[in-house]
């Protein structure tokens, strides 16, 4: 799955998209241009990832058990692939803060990185 990254220094900010959006959602809505001064000052490195909500919670044709399994697979992806990627671009000691809007806020609160 694609990951967008912006910047090289500072704490790591992991953006989780809203319900059915993708990893470029925050760029399209110009959040990145508002974060540019902080990115360019080396205060934050931003990472934005995809969700699979269309395959899990928003999939009206799926059994609830499958939805939860699919979502857990996404959580595993974040812990086993995204977090190590962030650590490889920053450091083991760099704080990672998660955030999002709407469904992305729910997911970011449940990640507990």
PDB file of N, CA and C in Angstrom:
ATOM      1  N   UNK A   1       0.846  -1.176   0.000  1.00  0.00           N
ATOM      2  CA  UNK A   1       0.000   0.000   0.000  1.00  0.00           C
ATOM      3  C   UNK A   1       0.890   1.237   0.000  1.00  0.00           C
ATOM      4  N   UNK A   2       0.476   2.268  -0.671  1.00  0.00           N
ATOM      5  CA  UNK A   2       1.308   3.471  -0.756  1.00  0.00           C
ATOM      6  C   UNK A   2       1.325   4.264   0.545  1.00  0.00           C
ATOM      7  N   UNK A   3       2.442   4.938   0.751  1.00  0.00           N
ATOM      8  CA  UNK A   3       2.606   5.853   1.888  1.00  0.00           C
ATOM      9  C   UNK A   3       3.198   7.140   1.331  1.00  0.00           C
ATOM     10  N   UNK A   4       2.545   8.248   1.612  1.00  0.00           N
ATOM     11  CA  UNK A   4       3.107   9.550   1.240  1.00  0.00           C
ATOM     12  C   UNK A   4       3.898  10.067   2.425  1.00  0.00           C
ATOM     13  N   UNK A   5       5.048  10.656   2.156  1.00  0.00           N
ATOM     14  CA  UNK A   5       5.834  11.233   3.247  1.00  0.00           C
ATOM     15  C   UNK A   5       6.312  12.621   2.849  1.00  0.00           C
ATOM     16  N   UNK A   6       6.383  13.479   3.850  1.00  0.00           N
ATOM     17  CA  UNK A   6       6.760  14.882   3.655  1.00  0.00           C
ATOM     18  C   UNK A   6       7.705  15.266   4.785  1.00  0.00           C
ATOM     19  N   UNK A   7       8.886  15.710   4.442  1.00  0.00           N
ATOM     20  CA  UNK A   7       9.843  16.165   5.439  1.00  0.00           C
ATOM     21  C   UNK A   7      10.840  15.105   5.842  1.00  0.00           C
ATOM     22  N   UNK A   8      11.832  15.547   6.632  1.00  0.00           N
ATOM     23  CA  UNK A   8      12.915  14.650   7.042  1.00  0.00           C
ATOM     24  C   UNK A   8      13.254  14.725   8.523  1.00  0.00           C
ATOM     25  N   UNK A   9      12.721  15.705   9.237  1.00  0.00           N
ATOM     26  CA  UNK A   9      13.113  15.906  10.631  1.00  0.00           C
ATOM     27  C   UNK A   9      11.883  16.186  11.482  1.00  0.00           C
ATOM     28  N   UNK A  10      12.051  16.111  12.784  1.00  0.00           N
ATOM     29  CA  UNK A  10      10.971  16.411  13.709  1.00  0.00           C
ATOM     30  C   UNK A  10      10.194  15.164  14.090  1.00  0.00           C
ATOM     31  N   UNK A  11       9.173  15.364  14.903  1.00  0.00           N
ATOM     32  CA  UNK A  11       8.352  14.215  15.301  1.00  0.00           C
ATOM     33  C   UNK A  11       7.615  13.684  14.074  1.00  0.00           C
ATOM     34  N   UNK A  12       7.138  12.466  14.157  1.00  0.00           N
ATOM     35  CA  UNK A  12       6.426  11.838  13.048  1.00  0.00           C
ATOM     36  C   UNK A  12       4.928  11.989  13.266  1.00  0.00           C
ATOM     37  N   UNK A  13       4.254  12.474  12.249  1.00  0.00           N
ATOM     38  CA  UNK A  13       2.806  12.618  12.273  1.00  0.00           C
ATOM     39  C   UNK A  13       2.228  11.640  11.263  1.00  0.00           C
ATOM     40  N   UNK A  14       1.461  10.675  11.741  1.00  0.00           N
ATOM     41  CA  UNK A  14       0.847   9.668  10.883  1.00  0.00           C
ATOM     42  C   UNK A  14      -0.612  10.042  10.659  1.00  0.00           C
ATOM     43  N   UNK A  15      -0.957  10.342   9.403  1.00  0.00           N
ATOM     44  CA  UNK A  15      -2.313  10.737   9.044  1.00  0.00           C
ATOM     45  C   UNK A  15      -3.092   9.535   8.525  1.00  0.00           C
ATOM     46  N   UNK A  16      -4.270   9.321   9.110  1.00  0.00           N
ATOM     47  CA  UNK A  16      -5.163   8.242   8.696  1.00  0.00           C
ATOM     48  C   UNK A  16      -6.344   8.883   7.969  1.00  0.00           C
ATOM     49  N   UNK A  17      -6.651   8.445   6.738  1.00  0.00           N
ATOM     50  CA  UNK A  17      -7.696   9.120   5.962  1.00  0.00           C
ATOM     51  C   UNK A  17      -9.098   8.884   6.521  1.00  0.00           C
ATOM     52  N   UNK A  18     -10.018   9.711   6.044  1.00  0.00           N
ATOM     53  CA  UNK A  18     -11.414   9.566   6.434  1.00  0.00           C
ATOM     54  C   UNK A  18     -12.004   8.299   5.820  1.00  0.00           C
ATOM     55  N   UNK A  19     -13.266   8.078   6.036  1.00  0.00           N
ATOM     56  CA  UNK A  19     -13.953   6.813   5.745  1.00  0.00           C
ATOM     57  C   UNK A  19     -13.509   6.109   4.464  1.00  0.00           C
ATOM     58  N   UNK A  20     -13.780   6.660   3.307  1.00  0.00           N
ATOM     59  CA  UNK A  20     -13.501   5.958   2.055  1.00  0.00           C
ATOM     60  C   UNK A  20     -12.386   6.623   1.255  1.00  0.00           C
ATOM     61  N   UNK A  21     -11.587   7.426   1.889  1.00  0.00           N
ATOM     62  CA  UNK A  21     -10.551   8.187   1.189  1.00  0.00           C
ATOM     63  C   UNK A  21      -9.242   7.406   1.105  1.00  0.00           C
ATOM     64  N   UNK A  22      -8.246   8.037   0.479  1.00  0.00           N
ATOM     65  CA  UNK A  22      -6.947   7.404   0.293  1.00  0.00           C
ATOM     66  C   UNK A  22      -5.843   8.235   0.936  1.00  0.00           C
ATOM     67  N   UNK A  23      -4.615   7.791   0.729  1.00  0.00           N
ATOM     68  CA  UNK A  23      -3.452   8.392   1.363  1.00  0.00           C
ATOM     69  C   UNK A  23      -3.158   9.818   0.885  1.00  0.00           C
ATOM     70  N   UNK A  24      -3.741  10.251  -0.225  1.00  0.00           N
ATOM     71  CA  UNK A  24      -3.509  11.607  -0.727  1.00  0.00           C
ATOM     72  C   UNK A  24      -4.626  12.583  -0.355  1.00  0.00           C
ATOM     73  N   UNK A  25      -5.574  12.132   0.431  1.00  0.00           N
ATOM     74  CA  UNK A  25      -6.710  12.972   0.796  1.00  0.00           C
ATOM     75  C   UNK A  25      -6.284  14.289   1.434  1.00  0.00           C
ATOM     76  N   UNK A  26      -5.369  14.226   2.375  1.00  0.00           N
ATOM     77  CA  UNK A  26      -4.982  15.447   3.087  1.00  0.00           C
ATOM     78  C   UNK A  26      -4.236  16.414   2.172  1.00  0.00           C
ATOM     79  N   UNK A  27      -3.532  15.891   1.202  1.00  0.00           N
ATOM     80  CA  UNK A  27      -2.868  16.755   0.226  1.00  0.00           C
ATOM     81  C   UNK A  27      -3.910  17.450  -0.661  1.00  0.00           C
ATOM     82  N   UNK A  28      -4.903  16.691  -1.112  1.00  0.00           N
ATOM     83  CA  UNK A  28      -5.962  17.268  -1.949  1.00  0.00           C
ATOM     84  C   UNK A  28      -6.729  18.370  -1.219  1.00  0.00           C
ATOM     85  N   UNK A  29      -6.905  18.210   0.087  1.00  0.00           N
ATOM     86  CA  UNK A  29      -7.619  19.214   0.869  1.00  0.00           C
ATOM     87  C   UNK A  29      -6.691  20.284   1.438  1.00  0.00           C
ATOM     88  N   UNK A  30      -5.465  20.325   0.932  1.00  0.00           N
ATOM     89  CA  UNK A  30      -4.481  21.370   1.198  1.00  0.00           C
ATOM     90  C   UNK A  30      -3.958  21.423   2.632  1.00  0.00           C
ATOM     91  N   UNK A  31      -4.121  20.349   3.377  1.00  0.00           N
ATOM     92  CA  UNK A  31      -3.540  20.319   4.716  1.00  0.00           C
ATOM     93  C   UNK A  31      -2.020  20.401   4.643  1.00  0.00           C
ATOM     94  N   UNK A  32      -1.443  19.753   3.639  1.00  0.00           N
ATOM     95  CA  UNK A  32       0.013  19.737   3.543  1.00  0.00           C
ATOM     96  C   UNK A  32       0.567  21.140   3.319  1.00  0.00           C
ATOM     97  N   UNK A  33      -0.125  21.960   2.565  1.00  0.00           N
ATOM     98  CA  UNK A  33       0.358  23.332   2.356  1.00  0.00           C
ATOM     99  C   UNK A  33       0.317  24.128   3.660  1.00  0.00           C
ATOM    100  N   UNK A  34      -0.613  23.812   4.527  1.00  0.00           N
ATOM    101  CA  UNK A  34      -0.665  24.486   5.831  1.00  0.00           C
ATOM    102  C   UNK A  34       0.409  23.962   6.781  1.00  0.00           C
ATOM    103  N   UNK A  35       0.831  22.724   6.572  1.00  0.00           N
ATOM    104  CA  UNK A  35       1.893  22.147   7.405  1.00  0.00           C
ATOM    105  C   UNK A  35       3.290  22.452   6.871  1.00  0.00           C
ATOM    106  N   UNK A  36       3.379  22.944   5.640  1.00  0.00           N
ATOM    107  CA  UNK A  36       4.680  23.229   5.010  1.00  0.00           C
ATOM    108  C   UNK A  36       5.642  24.027   5.896  1.00  0.00           C
ATOM    109  N   UNK A  37       5.206  25.096   6.562  1.00  0.00           N
ATOM    110  CA  UNK A  37       6.163  25.831   7.395  1.00  0.00           C
ATOM    111  C   UNK A  37       6.797  24.962   8.487  1.00  0.00           C
ATOM    112  N   UNK A  38       6.028  24.046   9.049  1.00  0.00           N
ATOM    113  CA  UNK A  38       6.536  23.169  10.113  1.00  0.00           C
ATOM    114  C   UNK A  38       7.408  22.057   9.531  1.00  0.00           C
ATOM    115  N   UNK A  39       7.029  21.578   8.352  1.00  0.00           N
ATOM    116  CA  UNK A  39       7.837  20.563   7.670  1.00  0.00           C
ATOM    117  C   UNK A  39       9.174  21.165   7.258  1.00  0.00           C
ATOM    118  N   UNK A  40       9.139  22.346   6.643  1.00  0.00           N
ATOM    119  CA  UNK A  40      10.369  22.995   6.177  1.00  0.00           C
ATOM    120  C   UNK A  40      11.262  23.449   7.321  1.00  0.00           C
ATOM    121  N   UNK A  41      10.692  23.692   8.485  1.00  0.00           N
ATOM    122  CA  UNK A  41      11.486  24.075   9.656  1.00  0.00           C
ATOM    123  C   UNK A  41      12.054  22.856  10.380  1.00  0.00           C
ATOM    124  N   UNK A  42      11.760  21.649   9.879  1.00  0.00           N
ATOM    125  CA  UNK A  42      12.278  20.435  10.506  1.00  0.00           C
ATOM    126  C   UNK A  42      11.582  20.081  11.802  1.00  0.00           C
ATOM    127  N   UNK A  43      10.375  20.565  11.988  1.00  0.00           N
ATOM    128  CA  UNK A  43       9.647  20.278  13.224  1.00  0.00           C
ATOM    129  C   UNK A  43       8.802  19.012  13.143  1.00  0.00           C
ATOM    130  N   UNK A  44       8.423  18.602  11.923  1.00  0.00           N
ATOM    131  CA  UNK A  44       7.553  17.439  11.753  1.00  0.00           C
ATOM    132  C   UNK A  44       7.846  16.747  10.432  1.00  0.00           C
ATOM    133  N   UNK A  45       7.762  15.434  10.454  1.00  0.00           N
ATOM    134  CA  UNK A  45       7.758  14.629   9.247  1.00  0.00           C
ATOM    135  C   UNK A  45       6.383  13.985   9.179  1.00  0.00           C
ATOM    136  N   UNK A  46       5.700  14.158   8.068  1.00  0.00           N
ATOM    137  CA  UNK A  46       4.324  13.696   7.940  1.00  0.00           C
ATOM    138  C   UNK A  46       4.269  12.447   7.061  1.00  0.00           C
ATOM    139  N   UNK A  47       3.512  11.471   7.503  1.00  0.00           N
ATOM    140  CA  UNK A  47       3.275  10.243   6.750  1.00  0.00           C
ATOM    141  C   UNK A  47       1.766  10.083   6.604  1.00  0.00           C
ATOM    142  N   UNK A  48       1.320   9.729   5.414  1.00  0.00           N
ATOM    143  CA  UNK A  48      -0.106   9.552   5.170  1.00  0.00           C
ATOM    144  C   UNK A  48      -0.314   8.187   4.520  1.00  0.00           C
ATOM    145  N   UNK A  49      -1.247   7.415   5.058  1.00  0.00           N
ATOM    146  CA  UNK A  49      -1.456   6.036   4.600  1.00  0.00           C
ATOM    147  C   UNK A  49      -2.874   5.840   4.085  1.00  0.00           C
ATOM    148  N   UNK A  50      -3.071   4.728   3.403  1.00  0.00           N
ATOM    149  CA  UNK A  50      -4.393   4.319   2.944  1.00  0.00           C
ATOM    150  C   UNK A  50      -5.131   3.605   4.075  1.00  0.00           C
ATOM    151  N   UNK A  51      -6.439   3.566   3.950  1.00  0.00           N
ATOM    152  CA  UNK A  51      -7.243   2.700   4.801  1.00  0.00           C
ATOM    153  C   UNK A  51      -7.839   1.617   3.908  1.00  0.00           C
ATOM    154  N   UNK A  52      -8.477   0.661   4.522  1.00  0.00           N
ATOM    155  CA  UNK A  52      -9.191  -0.359   3.754  1.00  0.00           C
ATOM    156  C   UNK A  52     -10.649  -0.402   4.209  1.00  0.00           C
ATOM    157  N   UNK A  53     -11.165   0.732   4.607  1.00  0.00           N
ATOM    158  CA  UNK A  53     -12.538   0.774   5.108  1.00  0.00           C
ATOM    159  C   UNK A  53     -13.553   0.237   4.106  1.00  0.00           C
ATOM    160  N   UNK A  54     -13.302   0.438   2.809  1.00  0.00           N
ATOM    161  CA  UNK A  54     -14.229  -0.093   1.800  1.00  0.00           C
ATOM    162  C   UNK A  54     -14.240  -1.616   1.777  1.00  0.00           C
ATOM    163  N   UNK A  55     -13.178  -2.229   2.279  1.00  0.00           N
ATOM    164  CA  UNK A  55     -13.107  -3.683   2.354  1.00  0.00           C
ATOM    165  C   UNK A  55     -13.518  -4.202   3.724  1.00  0.00           C
ATOM    166  N   UNK A  56     -13.657  -3.321   4.690  1.00  0.00           N
ATOM    167  CA  UNK A  56     -14.005  -3.762   6.042  1.00  0.00           C
ATOM    168  C   UNK A  56     -15.310  -3.110   6.478  1.00  0.00           C
ATOM    169  N   UNK A  57     -15.237  -2.082   7.298  1.00  0.00           N
ATOM    170  CA  UNK A  57     -16.429  -1.511   7.933  1.00  0.00           C
ATOM    171  C   UNK A  57     -17.452  -0.945   6.956  1.00  0.00           C
ATOM    172  N   UNK A  58     -17.048  -0.451   5.803  1.00  0.00           N
ATOM    173  CA  UNK A  58     -17.992   0.132   4.852  1.00  0.00           C
ATOM    174  C   UNK A  58     -18.481  -0.865   3.808  1.00  0.00           C
ATOM    175  N   UNK A  59     -18.069  -2.097   3.925  1.00  0.00           N
ATOM    176  CA  UNK A  59     -18.478  -3.140   2.980  1.00  0.00           C
ATOM    177  C   UNK A  59     -19.833  -3.704   3.423  1.00  0.00           C
ATOM    178  N   UNK A  60     -20.890  -3.228   2.796  1.00  0.00           N
ATOM    179  CA  UNK A  60     -22.243  -3.640   3.177  1.00  0.00           C
ATOM    180  C   UNK A  60     -22.572  -5.082   2.808  1.00  0.00           C
ATOM    181  N   UNK A  61     -21.724  -5.725   2.031  1.00  0.00           N
ATOM    182  CA  UNK A  61     -21.977  -7.103   1.612  1.00  0.00           C
ATOM    183  C   UNK A  61     -21.189  -8.111   2.438  1.00  0.00           C
ATOM    184  N   UNK A  62     -20.416  -7.622   3.384  1.00  0.00           N
ATOM    185  CA  UNK A  62     -19.565  -8.523   4.168  1.00  0.00           C
ATOM    186  C   UNK A  62     -20.195  -8.852   5.513  1.00  0.00           C
ATOM    187  N   UNK A  63     -19.896 -10.019   5.972  1.00  0.00           N
ATOM    188  CA  UNK A  63     -20.303 -10.456   7.297  1.00  0.00           C
ATOM    189  C   UNK A  63     -19.557  -9.619   8.347  1.00  0.00           C
ATOM    190  N   UNK A  64     -20.208  -9.279   9.442  1.00  0.00           N
ATOM    191  CA  UNK A  64     -19.525  -8.477  10.479  1.00  0.00           C
ATOM    192  C   UNK A  64     -18.220  -9.108  10.975  1.00  0.00           C
ATOM    193  N   UNK A  65     -18.180 -10.426  11.090  1.00  0.00           N
ATOM    194  CA  UNK A  65     -16.955 -11.085  11.530  1.00  0.00           C
ATOM    195  C   UNK A  65     -15.828 -10.802  10.542  1.00  0.00           C
ATOM    196  N   UNK A  66     -16.120 -10.922   9.239  1.00  0.00           N
ATOM    197  CA  UNK A  66     -15.112 -10.650   8.215  1.00  0.00           C
ATOM    198  C   UNK A  66     -14.645  -9.200   8.284  1.00  0.00           C
ATOM    199  N   UNK A  67     -15.572  -8.275   8.508  1.00  0.00           N
ATOM    200  CA  UNK A  67     -15.210  -6.861   8.614  1.00  0.00           C
ATOM    201  C   UNK A  67     -14.184  -6.652   9.719  1.00  0.00           C
ATOM    202  N   UNK A  68     -14.415  -7.293  10.854  1.00  0.00           N
ATOM    203  CA  UNK A  68     -13.482  -7.123  11.974  1.00  0.00           C
ATOM    204  C   UNK A  68     -12.132  -7.775  11.683  1.00  0.00           C
ATOM    205  N   UNK A  69     -12.146  -8.923  11.029  1.00  0.00           N
ATOM    206  CA  UNK A  69     -10.888  -9.589  10.654  1.00  0.00           C
ATOM    207  C   UNK A  69     -10.107  -8.724   9.677  1.00  0.00           C
ATOM    208  N   UNK A  70     -10.805  -8.186   8.689  1.00  0.00           N
ATOM    209  CA  UNK A  70     -10.132  -7.341   7.685  1.00  0.00           C
ATOM    210  C   UNK A  70      -9.545  -6.092   8.328  1.00  0.00           C
ATOM    211  N   UNK A  71     -10.286  -5.520   9.263  1.00  0.00           N
ATOM    212  CA  UNK A  71      -9.768  -4.342   9.958  1.00  0.00           C
ATOM    213  C   UNK A  71      -8.536  -4.708  10.792  1.00  0.00           C
ATOM    214  N   UNK A  72      -8.556  -5.857  11.440  1.00  0.00           N
ATOM    215  CA  UNK A  72      -7.388  -6.278  12.215  1.00  0.00           C
ATOM    216  C   UNK A  72      -6.182  -6.474  11.312  1.00  0.00           C
ATOM    217  N   UNK A  73      -6.406  -6.932  10.087  1.00  0.00           N
ATOM    218  CA  UNK A  73      -5.300  -7.059   9.138  1.00  0.00           C
ATOM    219  C   UNK A  73      -4.707  -5.688   8.832  1.00  0.00           C
ATOM    220  N   UNK A  74      -5.557  -4.676   8.730  1.00  0.00           N
ATOM    221  CA  UNK A  74      -5.066  -3.313   8.507  1.00  0.00           C
ATOM    222  C   UNK A  74      -4.261  -2.844   9.716  1.00  0.00           C
ATOM    223  N   UNK A  75      -4.770  -3.101  10.937  1.00  0.00           N
ATOM    224  CA  UNK A  75      -4.011  -2.745  12.144  1.00  0.00           C
ATOM    225  C   UNK A  75      -2.644  -3.418  12.136  1.00  0.00           C
ATOM    226  N   UNK A  76      -2.611  -4.696  11.771  1.00  0.00           N
ATOM    227  CA  UNK A  76      -1.339  -5.420  11.703  1.00  0.00           C
ATOM    228  C   UNK A  76      -0.405  -4.776  10.680  1.00  0.00           C
ATOM    229  N   UNK A  77      -0.957  -4.358   9.549  1.00  0.00           N
ATOM    230  CA  UNK A  77      -0.159  -3.661   8.535  1.00  0.00           C
ATOM    231  C   UNK A  77       0.466  -2.393   9.126  1.00  0.00           C
ATOM    232  N   UNK A  78      -0.310  -1.626   9.860  1.00  0.00           N
ATOM    233  CA  UNK A  78       0.221  -0.396  10.454  1.00  0.00           C
ATOM    234  C   UNK A  78       1.344  -0.723  11.422  1.00  0.00           C
ATOM    235  N   UNK A  79       1.150  -1.697  12.297  1.00  0.00           N
ATOM    236  CA  UNK A  79       2.170  -2.038  13.288  1.00  0.00           C
ATOM    237  C   UNK A  79       3.392  -2.710  12.677  1.00  0.00           C
ATOM    238  N   UNK A  80       3.171  -3.601  11.701  1.00  0.00           N
ATOM    239  CA  UNK A  80       4.268  -4.415  11.180  1.00  0.00           C
ATOM    240  C   UNK A  80       4.966  -3.848   9.952  1.00  0.00           C
ATOM    241  N   UNK A  81       4.316  -2.898   9.263  1.00  0.00           N
ATOM    242  CA  UNK A  81       4.933  -2.333   8.071  1.00  0.00           C
ATOM    243  C   UNK A  81       5.067  -0.816   8.120  1.00  0.00           C
ATOM    244  N   UNK A  82       3.997  -0.134   8.489  1.00  0.00           N
ATOM    245  CA  UNK A  82       4.047   1.334   8.498  1.00  0.00           C
ATOM    246  C   UNK A  82       4.966   1.847   9.600  1.00  0.00           C
ATOM    247  N   UNK A  83       4.780   1.370  10.808  1.00  0.00           N
ATOM    248  CA  UNK A  83       5.613   1.848  11.911  1.00  0.00           C
ATOM    249  C   UNK A  83       7.096   1.568  11.678  1.00  0.00           C
ATOM    250  N   UNK A  84       7.495   0.369  11.241  1.00  0.00           N
ATOM    251  CA  UNK A  84       8.911   0.170  10.916  1.00  0.00           C
ATOM    252  C   UNK A  84       9.400   1.094   9.796  1.00  0.00           C
ATOM    253  N   UNK A  85       8.545   1.366   8.805  1.00  0.00           N
ATOM    254  CA  UNK A  85       8.931   2.301   7.749  1.00  0.00           C
ATOM    255  C   UNK A  85       9.179   3.690   8.325  1.00  0.00           C
ATOM    256  N   UNK A  86       8.275   4.147   9.188  1.00  0.00           N
ATOM    257  CA  UNK A  86       8.462   5.451   9.830  1.00  0.00           C
ATOM    258  C   UNK A  86       9.741   5.463  10.642  1.00  0.00           C
ATOM    259  N   UNK A  87       9.989   4.412  11.392  1.00  0.00           N
ATOM    260  CA  UNK A  87      11.214   4.327  12.206  1.00  0.00           C
ATOM    261  C   UNK A  87      12.457   4.330  11.322  1.00  0.00           C
ATOM    262  N   UNK A  88      12.374   3.714  10.141  1.00  0.00           N
ATOM    263  CA  UNK A  88      13.541   3.698   9.249  1.00  0.00           C
ATOM    264  C   UNK A  88      13.808   5.075   8.662  1.00  0.00           C
ATOM    265  N   UNK A  89      12.782   5.896   8.551  1.00  0.00           N
ATOM    266  CA  UNK A  89      12.933   7.254   8.010  1.00  0.00           C
ATOM    267  C   UNK A  89      13.247   8.271   9.093  1.00  0.00           C
ATOM    268  N   UNK A  90      12.979   7.925  10.348  1.00  0.00           N
ATOM    269  CA  UNK A  90      13.220   8.851  11.462  1.00  0.00           C
ATOM    270  C   UNK A  90      14.214   8.194  12.404  1.00  0.00           C
ATOM    271  N   UNK A  91      13.762   7.735  13.551  1.00  0.00           N
ATOM    272  CA  UNK A  91      14.603   6.976  14.478  1.00  0.00           C
ATOM    273  C   UNK A  91      13.700   6.183  15.414  1.00  0.00           C
ATOM    274  N   UNK A  92      14.310   5.284  16.148  1.00  0.00           N
ATOM    275  CA  UNK A  92      13.536   4.473  17.104  1.00  0.00           C
ATOM    276  C   UNK A  92      12.973   5.326  18.232  1.00  0.00           C
ATOM    277  N   UNK A  93      13.593   6.479  18.480  1.00  0.00           N
ATOM    278  CA  UNK A  93      13.166   7.345  19.584  1.00  0.00           C
ATOM    279  C   UNK A  93      12.212   8.458  19.160  1.00  0.00           C
ATOM    280  N   UNK A  94      11.974   8.599  17.867  1.00  0.00           N
ATOM    281  CA  UNK A  94      11.119   9.676  17.386  1.00  0.00           C
ATOM    282  C   UNK A  94       9.666   9.407  17.764  1.00  0.00           C
ATOM    283  N   UNK A  95       9.020  10.353  18.427  1.00  0.00           N
ATOM    284  CA  UNK A  95       7.599  10.160  18.752  1.00  0.00           C
ATOM    285  C   UNK A  95       6.758  10.086  17.481  1.00  0.00           C
ATOM    286  N   UNK A  96       5.781   9.189  17.490  1.00  0.00           N
ATOM    287  CA  UNK A  96       4.835   9.063  16.384  1.00  0.00           C
ATOM    288  C   UNK A  96       3.460   9.444  16.923  1.00  0.00           C
ATOM    289  N   UNK A  97       2.881  10.456  16.318  1.00  0.00           N
ATOM    290  CA  UNK A  97       1.549  10.909  16.698  1.00  0.00           C
ATOM    291  C   UNK A  97       0.604  10.565  15.562  1.00  0.00           C
ATOM    292  N   UNK A  98      -0.510   9.931  15.886  1.00  0.00           N
ATOM    293  CA  UNK A  98      -1.489   9.580  14.864  1.00  0.00           C
ATOM    294  C   UNK A  98      -2.660  10.550  14.929  1.00  0.00           C
ATOM    295  N   UNK A  99      -3.214  10.850  13.771  1.00  0.00           N
ATOM    296  CA  UNK A  99      -4.409  11.688  13.746  1.00  0.00           C
ATOM    297  C   UNK A  99      -5.163  11.449  12.451  1.00  0.00           C
ATOM    298  N   UNK A 100      -6.393  11.878  12.457  1.00  0.00           N
ATOM    299  CA  UNK A 100      -7.238  11.769  11.292  1.00  0.00           C
ATOM    300  C   UNK A 100      -8.538  12.484  11.567  1.00  0.00           C
ATOM    301  N   UNK A 101      -9.360  12.557  10.551  1.00  0.00           N
ATOM    302  CA  UNK A 101     -10.682  13.151  10.685  1.00  0.00           C
ATOM    303  C   UNK A 101     -11.719  12.068  10.439  1.00  0.00           C
ATOM    304  N   UNK A 102     -12.873  12.217  11.044  1.00  0.00           N
ATOM    305  CA  UNK A 102     -13.982  11.296  10.827  1.00  0.00           C
ATOM    306  C   UNK A 102     -13.556   9.876  11.212  1.00  0.00           C
ATOM    307  N   UNK A 103     -13.729   8.930  10.311  1.00  0.00           N
ATOM    308  CA  UNK A 103     -13.357   7.544  10.592  1.00  0.00           C
ATOM    309  C   UNK A 103     -11.852   7.420  10.835  1.00  0.00           C
ATOM    310  N   UNK A 104     -11.074   8.282  10.194  1.00  0.00           N
ATOM    311  CA  UNK A 104      -9.633   8.286  10.424  1.00  0.00           C
ATOM    312  C   UNK A 104      -9.286   8.640  11.848  1.00  0.00           C
ATOM    313  N   UNK A 105     -10.088   9.501  12.475  1.00  0.00           N
ATOM    314  CA  UNK A 105      -9.868   9.850  13.888  1.00  0.00           C
ATOM    315  C   UNK A 105     -10.118   8.636  14.770  1.00  0.00           C
ATOM    316  N   UNK A 106     -11.174   7.900  14.477  1.00  0.00           N
ATOM    317  CA  UNK A 106     -11.468   6.689  15.242  1.00  0.00           C
ATOM    318  C   UNK A 106     -10.315   5.697  15.131  1.00  0.00           C
ATOM    319  N   UNK A 107      -9.857   5.451  13.914  1.00  0.00           N
ATOM    320  CA  UNK A 107      -8.761   4.512  13.714  1.00  0.00           C
ATOM    321  C   UNK A 107      -7.475   5.004  14.389  1.00  0.00           C
ATOM    322  N   UNK A 108      -7.193   6.284  14.276  1.00  0.00           N
ATOM    323  CA  UNK A 108      -5.946   6.790  14.867  1.00  0.00           C
ATOM    324  C   UNK A 108      -5.971   6.684  16.384  1.00  0.00           C
ATOM    325  N   UNK A 109      -7.121   6.842  16.987  1.00  0.00           N
ATOM    326  CA  UNK A 109      -7.231   6.706  18.453  1.00  0.00           C
ATOM    327  C   UNK A 109      -7.060   5.260  18.897  1.00  0.00           C
ATOM    328  N   UNK A 110      -7.403   4.329  18.036  1.00  0.00           N
ATOM    329  CA  UNK A 110      -7.327   2.914  18.394  1.00  0.00           C
ATOM    330  C   UNK A 110      -5.983   2.276  18.065  1.00  0.00           C
ATOM    331  N   UNK A 111      -5.083   3.014  17.425  1.00  0.00           N
ATOM    332  CA  UNK A 111      -3.783   2.430  17.057  1.00  0.00           C
ATOM    333  C   UNK A 111      -2.823   2.365  18.232  1.00  0.00           C
ATOM    334  N   UNK A 112      -2.774   3.422  19.035  1.00  0.00           N
ATOM    335  CA  UNK A 112      -1.892   3.473  20.208  1.00  0.00           C
ATOM    336  C   UNK A 112      -0.458   3.114  19.861  1.00  0.00           C
ATOM    337  N   UNK A 113       0.137   3.885  18.985  1.00  0.00           N
ATOM    338  CA  UNK A 113       1.526   3.651  18.604  1.00  0.00           C
ATOM    339  C   UNK A 113       2.408   4.065  19.742  1.00  0.00           C
TER     340      UNK A 113
END
